[in-house]
Amino acid sequence: MNNLTKNLLMLNCVFGPNNRLIEEIDDYIDLSEIENPKHLLDGLMDSGIIDEKKTAGLSKFIDQERFDFFKTYIETENIGVCTVYDNTYPERLRSIDDKPYVLYYKGSLEPLE
Protein backbone atom coordinates (compact mmCIF):
# COMPACT_ATOMS: atom_id res chain seq x y z
CA MET A 1 0.00 0.00 0.00
CA ASN A 2 1.49 3.34 -1.03
CA ASN A 3 1.77 6.42 1.21
CA LEU A 4 -1.09 8.24 -0.50
CA THR A 5 -3.54 5.40 -0.01
CA LYS A 6 -2.39 4.79 3.56
CA ASN A 7 -2.79 8.46 4.50
CA LEU A 8 -6.19 8.78 2.82
CA LEU A 9 -7.40 5.65 4.63
CA MET A 10 -6.14 6.96 7.93
CA LEU A 11 -7.86 10.32 7.46
CA ASN A 12 -11.05 8.56 6.39
CA CYS A 13 -10.95 6.31 9.46
CA VAL A 14 -10.44 9.19 11.86
CA PHE A 15 -12.60 11.90 10.29
CA GLY A 16 -15.18 9.70 8.62
CA PRO A 17 -16.40 10.36 5.11
CA ASN A 18 -15.74 14.09 5.47
CA ASN A 19 -14.74 14.56 1.85
CA ARG A 20 -14.49 18.35 2.00
CA LEU A 21 -12.07 18.19 4.92
CA ILE A 22 -9.99 15.47 3.29
CA GLU A 23 -9.92 17.51 0.07
CA GLU A 24 -8.72 20.57 1.98
CA ILE A 25 -5.99 18.51 3.66
CA ASP A 26 -5.03 16.93 0.33
CA ASP A 27 -4.73 20.38 -1.24
CA TYR A 28 -2.50 21.60 1.61
CA ILE A 29 -0.26 18.56 2.15
CA ASP A 30 1.23 16.17 -0.41
CA LEU A 31 -0.06 12.97 1.17
CA SER A 32 2.01 10.82 -1.17
CA GLU A 33 5.23 12.20 0.34
CA ILE A 34 4.43 11.47 4.00
CA GLU A 35 5.68 8.10 5.23
CA ASN A 36 5.47 8.67 8.97
CA PRO A 37 1.94 9.32 10.30
CA LYS A 38 3.36 11.58 13.02
CA HIS A 39 4.65 13.90 10.30
CA LEU A 40 1.13 14.08 8.89
CA LEU A 41 -0.16 15.00 12.33
CA ASP A 42 2.53 17.67 12.73
CA GLY A 43 1.71 19.14 9.32
CA LEU A 44 -1.99 19.26 10.12
CA MET A 45 -1.39 20.88 13.50
CA ASP A 46 0.71 23.58 11.82
CA SER A 47 -1.89 24.12 9.08
CA GLY A 48 -4.81 25.10 11.29
CA ILE A 49 -7.11 23.01 9.08
CA ILE A 50 -8.26 20.75 11.90
CA ASP A 51 -9.44 21.71 15.37
CA GLU A 52 -8.18 20.34 18.69
CA LYS A 53 -10.78 17.56 18.82
CA LYS A 54 -9.80 16.26 15.39
CA THR A 55 -6.11 16.61 16.27
CA ALA A 56 -6.65 14.55 19.42
CA GLY A 57 -8.54 11.88 17.48
CA LEU A 58 -5.80 11.57 14.87
CA SER A 59 -3.10 11.55 17.54
CA LYS A 60 -4.87 8.75 19.42
CA PHE A 61 -5.33 6.75 16.20
CA ILE A 62 -1.61 7.06 15.43
CA ASP A 63 -0.37 6.44 18.99
CA GLN A 64 -2.49 3.31 19.40
CA GLU A 65 -1.33 2.03 15.99
CA ARG A 66 -4.93 1.51 14.91
CA PHE A 67 -4.04 1.67 11.24
CA ASP A 68 -2.28 -1.70 11.40
CA PHE A 69 -5.36 -3.21 13.05
CA PHE A 70 -7.62 -1.64 10.40
CA LYS A 71 -5.42 -2.82 7.53
CA THR A 72 -5.38 -6.37 8.89
CA TYR A 73 -9.15 -6.29 9.28
CA ILE A 74 -9.86 -5.21 5.69
CA GLU A 75 -7.42 -7.79 4.36
CA THR A 76 -8.91 -10.58 6.50
CA GLU A 77 -12.46 -9.68 5.48
CA ASN A 78 -11.50 -9.35 1.77
CA ILE A 79 -12.62 -5.74 1.67
CA GLY A 80 -11.34 -3.86 -1.34
CA VAL A 81 -10.14 -0.28 -1.06
CA CYS A 82 -10.04 2.24 -3.84
CA THR A 83 -9.10 5.92 -3.64
CA VAL A 84 -9.96 8.73 -5.99
CA TYR A 85 -6.37 8.54 -7.31
CA ASP A 86 -6.56 4.89 -8.33
CA ASN A 87 -7.15 3.80 -11.92
CA THR A 88 -9.89 1.48 -10.67
CA TYR A 89 -11.92 4.38 -9.19
CA PRO A 90 -15.28 4.52 -11.03
CA GLU A 91 -15.31 7.32 -13.62
CA ARG A 92 -18.94 8.16 -12.87
CA LEU A 93 -17.98 9.07 -9.31
CA ARG A 94 -15.13 11.35 -10.38
CA SER A 95 -17.62 13.90 -11.73
CA ILE A 96 -19.43 14.32 -8.40
CA ASP A 97 -18.60 17.55 -6.56
CA ASP A 98 -18.40 15.86 -3.17
CA LYS A 99 -16.92 12.61 -4.44
CA PRO A 100 -15.78 10.06 -1.87
CA TYR A 101 -12.03 9.98 -1.55
CA VAL A 102 -12.10 6.38 -0.36
CA LEU A 103 -14.36 3.52 -1.43
CA TYR A 104 -14.60 0.29 0.51
CA TYR A 105 -16.17 -2.60 -1.35
CA LYS A 106 -16.64 -6.32 -1.57
CA GLY A 107 -16.73 -7.94 -4.94
CA SER A 108 -16.33 -5.80 -8.03
CA LEU A 109 -16.49 -2.08 -8.73
CA GLU A 110 -17.75 -2.85 -12.23
CA PRO A 111 -21.46 -2.28 -11.43
CA LEU A 112 -20.59 1.34 -10.54
CA GLU A 113 -19.44 1.90 -14.10
C-alpha atoms as a PDB file:
ATOM      1  CA  MET A   1       0.000   0.000   0.000  1.00  0.00           C
ATOM      2  CA  ASN A   2       1.493   3.335  -1.025  1.00  0.00           C
ATOM      3  CA  ASN A   3       1.769   6.421   1.209  1.00  0.00           C
ATOM      4  CA  LEU A   4      -1.085   8.243  -0.500  1.00  0.00           C
ATOM      5  CA  THR A   5      -3.542   5.397  -0.008  1.00  0.00           C
ATOM      6  CA  LYS A   6      -2.394   4.791   3.555  1.00  0.00           C
ATOM      7  CA  ASN A   7      -2.790   8.461   4.497  1.00  0.00           C
ATOM      8  CA  LEU A   8      -6.188   8.778   2.824  1.00  0.00           C
ATOM      9  CA  LEU A   9      -7.403   5.654   4.628  1.00  0.00           C
ATOM     10  CA  MET A  10      -6.137   6.957   7.931  1.00  0.00           C
ATOM     11  CA  LEU A  11      -7.861  10.318   7.465  1.00  0.00           C
ATOM     12  CA  ASN A  12     -11.050   8.555   6.387  1.00  0.00           C
ATOM     13  CA  CYS A  13     -10.947   6.307   9.463  1.00  0.00           C
ATOM     14  CA  VAL A  14     -10.444   9.190  11.864  1.00  0.00           C
ATOM     15  CA  PHE A  15     -12.596  11.905  10.285  1.00  0.00           C
ATOM     16  CA  GLY A  16     -15.185   9.697   8.624  1.00  0.00           C
ATOM     17  CA  PRO A  17     -16.403  10.358   5.111  1.00  0.00           C
ATOM     18  CA  ASN A  18     -15.739  14.085   5.468  1.00  0.00           C
ATOM     19  CA  ASN A  19     -14.739  14.558   1.851  1.00  0.00           C
ATOM     20  CA  ARG A  20     -14.487  18.348   1.995  1.00  0.00           C
ATOM     21  CA  LEU A  21     -12.069  18.193   4.921  1.00  0.00           C
ATOM     22  CA  ILE A  22      -9.990  15.467   3.285  1.00  0.00           C
ATOM     23  CA  GLU A  23      -9.925  17.510   0.070  1.00  0.00           C
ATOM     24  CA  GLU A  24      -8.718  20.573   1.984  1.00  0.00           C
ATOM     25  CA  ILE A  25      -5.986  18.510   3.664  1.00  0.00           C
ATOM     26  CA  ASP A  26      -5.032  16.930   0.329  1.00  0.00           C
ATOM     27  CA  ASP A  27      -4.727  20.385  -1.242  1.00  0.00           C
ATOM     28  CA  TYR A  28      -2.497  21.595   1.610  1.00  0.00           C
ATOM     29  CA  ILE A  29      -0.257  18.560   2.152  1.00  0.00           C
ATOM     30  CA  ASP A  30       1.232  16.174  -0.406  1.00  0.00           C
ATOM     31  CA  LEU A  31      -0.061  12.967   1.167  1.00  0.00           C
ATOM     32  CA  SER A  32       2.014  10.819  -1.173  1.00  0.00           C
ATOM     33  CA  GLU A  33       5.230  12.196   0.344  1.00  0.00           C
ATOM     34  CA  ILE A  34       4.429  11.475   4.000  1.00  0.00           C
ATOM     35  CA  GLU A  35       5.679   8.105   5.226  1.00  0.00           C
ATOM     36  CA  ASN A  36       5.465   8.668   8.969  1.00  0.00           C
ATOM     37  CA  PRO A  37       1.940   9.325  10.295  1.00  0.00           C
ATOM     38  CA  LYS A  38       3.356  11.580  13.019  1.00  0.00           C
ATOM     39  CA  HIS A  39       4.653  13.898  10.300  1.00  0.00           C
ATOM     40  CA  LEU A  40       1.131  14.081   8.891  1.00  0.00           C
ATOM     41  CA  LEU A  41      -0.160  14.998  12.332  1.00  0.00           C
ATOM     42  CA  ASP A  42       2.533  17.667  12.726  1.00  0.00           C
ATOM     43  CA  GLY A  43       1.707  19.138   9.319  1.00  0.00           C
ATOM     44  CA  LEU A  44      -1.987  19.264  10.115  1.00  0.00           C
ATOM     45  CA  MET A  45      -1.388  20.879  13.503  1.00  0.00           C
ATOM     46  CA  ASP A  46       0.705  23.576  11.817  1.00  0.00           C
ATOM     47  CA  SER A  47      -1.889  24.123   9.084  1.00  0.00           C
ATOM     48  CA  GLY A  48      -4.805  25.096  11.292  1.00  0.00           C
ATOM     49  CA  ILE A  49      -7.111  23.014   9.084  1.00  0.00           C
ATOM     50  CA  ILE A  50      -8.260  20.750  11.904  1.00  0.00           C
ATOM     51  CA  ASP A  51      -9.435  21.709  15.365  1.00  0.00           C
ATOM     52  CA  GLU A  52      -8.182  20.341  18.690  1.00  0.00           C
ATOM     53  CA  LYS A  53     -10.785  17.564  18.816  1.00  0.00           C
ATOM     54  CA  LYS A  54      -9.796  16.256  15.386  1.00  0.00           C
ATOM     55  CA  THR A  55      -6.113  16.610  16.268  1.00  0.00           C
ATOM     56  CA  ALA A  56      -6.648  14.555  19.423  1.00  0.00           C
ATOM     57  CA  GLY A  57      -8.541  11.881  17.484  1.00  0.00           C
ATOM     58  CA  LEU A  58      -5.803  11.569  14.869  1.00  0.00           C
ATOM     59  CA  SER A  59      -3.103  11.546  17.538  1.00  0.00           C
ATOM     60  CA  LYS A  60      -4.868   8.750  19.424  1.00  0.00           C
ATOM     61  CA  PHE A  61      -5.332   6.755  16.202  1.00  0.00           C
ATOM     62  CA  ILE A  62      -1.612   7.063  15.429  1.00  0.00           C
ATOM     63  CA  ASP A  63      -0.368   6.436  18.991  1.00  0.00           C
ATOM     64  CA  GLN A  64      -2.485   3.306  19.398  1.00  0.00           C
ATOM     65  CA  GLU A  65      -1.333   2.028  15.991  1.00  0.00           C
ATOM     66  CA  ARG A  66      -4.930   1.507  14.912  1.00  0.00           C
ATOM     67  CA  PHE A  67      -4.038   1.667  11.237  1.00  0.00           C
ATOM     68  CA  ASP A  68      -2.285  -1.698  11.402  1.00  0.00           C
ATOM     69  CA  PHE A  69      -5.364  -3.210  13.045  1.00  0.00           C
ATOM     70  CA  PHE A  70      -7.623  -1.637  10.401  1.00  0.00           C
ATOM     71  CA  LYS A  71      -5.420  -2.818   7.530  1.00  0.00           C
ATOM     72  CA  THR A  72      -5.376  -6.371   8.892  1.00  0.00           C
ATOM     73  CA  TYR A  73      -9.154  -6.288   9.276  1.00  0.00           C
ATOM     74  CA  ILE A  74      -9.855  -5.213   5.688  1.00  0.00           C
ATOM     75  CA  GLU A  75      -7.420  -7.793   4.361  1.00  0.00           C
ATOM     76  CA  THR A  76      -8.913 -10.580   6.504  1.00  0.00           C
ATOM     77  CA  GLU A  77     -12.458  -9.681   5.476  1.00  0.00           C
ATOM     78  CA  ASN A  78     -11.499  -9.353   1.773  1.00  0.00           C
ATOM     79  CA  ILE A  79     -12.625  -5.739   1.674  1.00  0.00           C
ATOM     80  CA  GLY A  80     -11.340  -3.856  -1.344  1.00  0.00           C
ATOM     81  CA  VAL A  81     -10.142  -0.284  -1.060  1.00  0.00           C
ATOM     82  CA  CYS A  82     -10.038   2.240  -3.845  1.00  0.00           C
ATOM     83  CA  THR A  83      -9.097   5.920  -3.639  1.00  0.00           C
ATOM     84  CA  VAL A  84      -9.958   8.732  -5.989  1.00  0.00           C
ATOM     85  CA  TYR A  85      -6.372   8.542  -7.315  1.00  0.00           C
ATOM     86  CA  ASP A  86      -6.557   4.888  -8.326  1.00  0.00           C
ATOM     87  CA  ASN A  87      -7.148   3.798 -11.925  1.00  0.00           C
ATOM     88  CA  THR A  88      -9.891   1.484 -10.668  1.00  0.00           C
ATOM     89  CA  TYR A  89     -11.916   4.376  -9.188  1.00  0.00           C
ATOM     90  CA  PRO A  90     -15.275   4.522 -11.029  1.00  0.00           C
ATOM     91  CA  GLU A  91     -15.305   7.316 -13.622  1.00  0.00           C
ATOM     92  CA  ARG A  92     -18.939   8.155 -12.873  1.00  0.00           C
ATOM     93  CA  LEU A  93     -17.984   9.073  -9.308  1.00  0.00           C
ATOM     94  CA  ARG A  94     -15.129  11.347 -10.379  1.00  0.00           C
ATOM     95  CA  SER A  95     -17.619  13.899 -11.733  1.00  0.00           C
ATOM     96  CA  ILE A  96     -19.426  14.317  -8.400  1.00  0.00           C
ATOM     97  CA  ASP A  97     -18.597  17.555  -6.562  1.00  0.00           C
ATOM     98  CA  ASP A  98     -18.402  15.865  -3.166  1.00  0.00           C
ATOM     99  CA  LYS A  99     -16.922  12.609  -4.437  1.00  0.00           C
ATOM    100  CA  PRO A 100     -15.784  10.061  -1.869  1.00  0.00           C
ATOM    101  CA  TYR A 101     -12.028   9.984  -1.550  1.00  0.00           C
ATOM    102  CA  VAL A 102     -12.100   6.381  -0.364  1.00  0.00           C
ATOM    103  CA  LEU A 103     -14.361   3.524  -1.429  1.00  0.00           C
ATOM    104  CA  TYR A 104     -14.595   0.286   0.508  1.00  0.00           C
ATOM    105  CA  TYR A 105     -16.165  -2.598  -1.354  1.00  0.00           C
ATOM    106  CA  LYS A 106     -16.636  -6.318  -1.573  1.00  0.00           C
ATOM    107  CA  GLY A 107     -16.732  -7.938  -4.944  1.00  0.00           C
ATOM    108  CA  SER A 108     -16.332  -5.802  -8.026  1.00  0.00           C
ATOM    109  CA  LEU A 109     -16.492  -2.083  -8.729  1.00  0.00           C
ATOM    110  CA  GLU A 110     -17.749  -2.850 -12.235  1.00  0.00           C
ATOM    111  CA  PRO A 111     -21.462  -2.277 -11.432  1.00  0.00           C
ATOM    112  CA  LEU A 112     -20.589   1.339 -10.538  1.00  0.00           C
ATOM    113  CA  GLU A 113     -19.435   1.903 -14.096  1.00  0.00           C
END
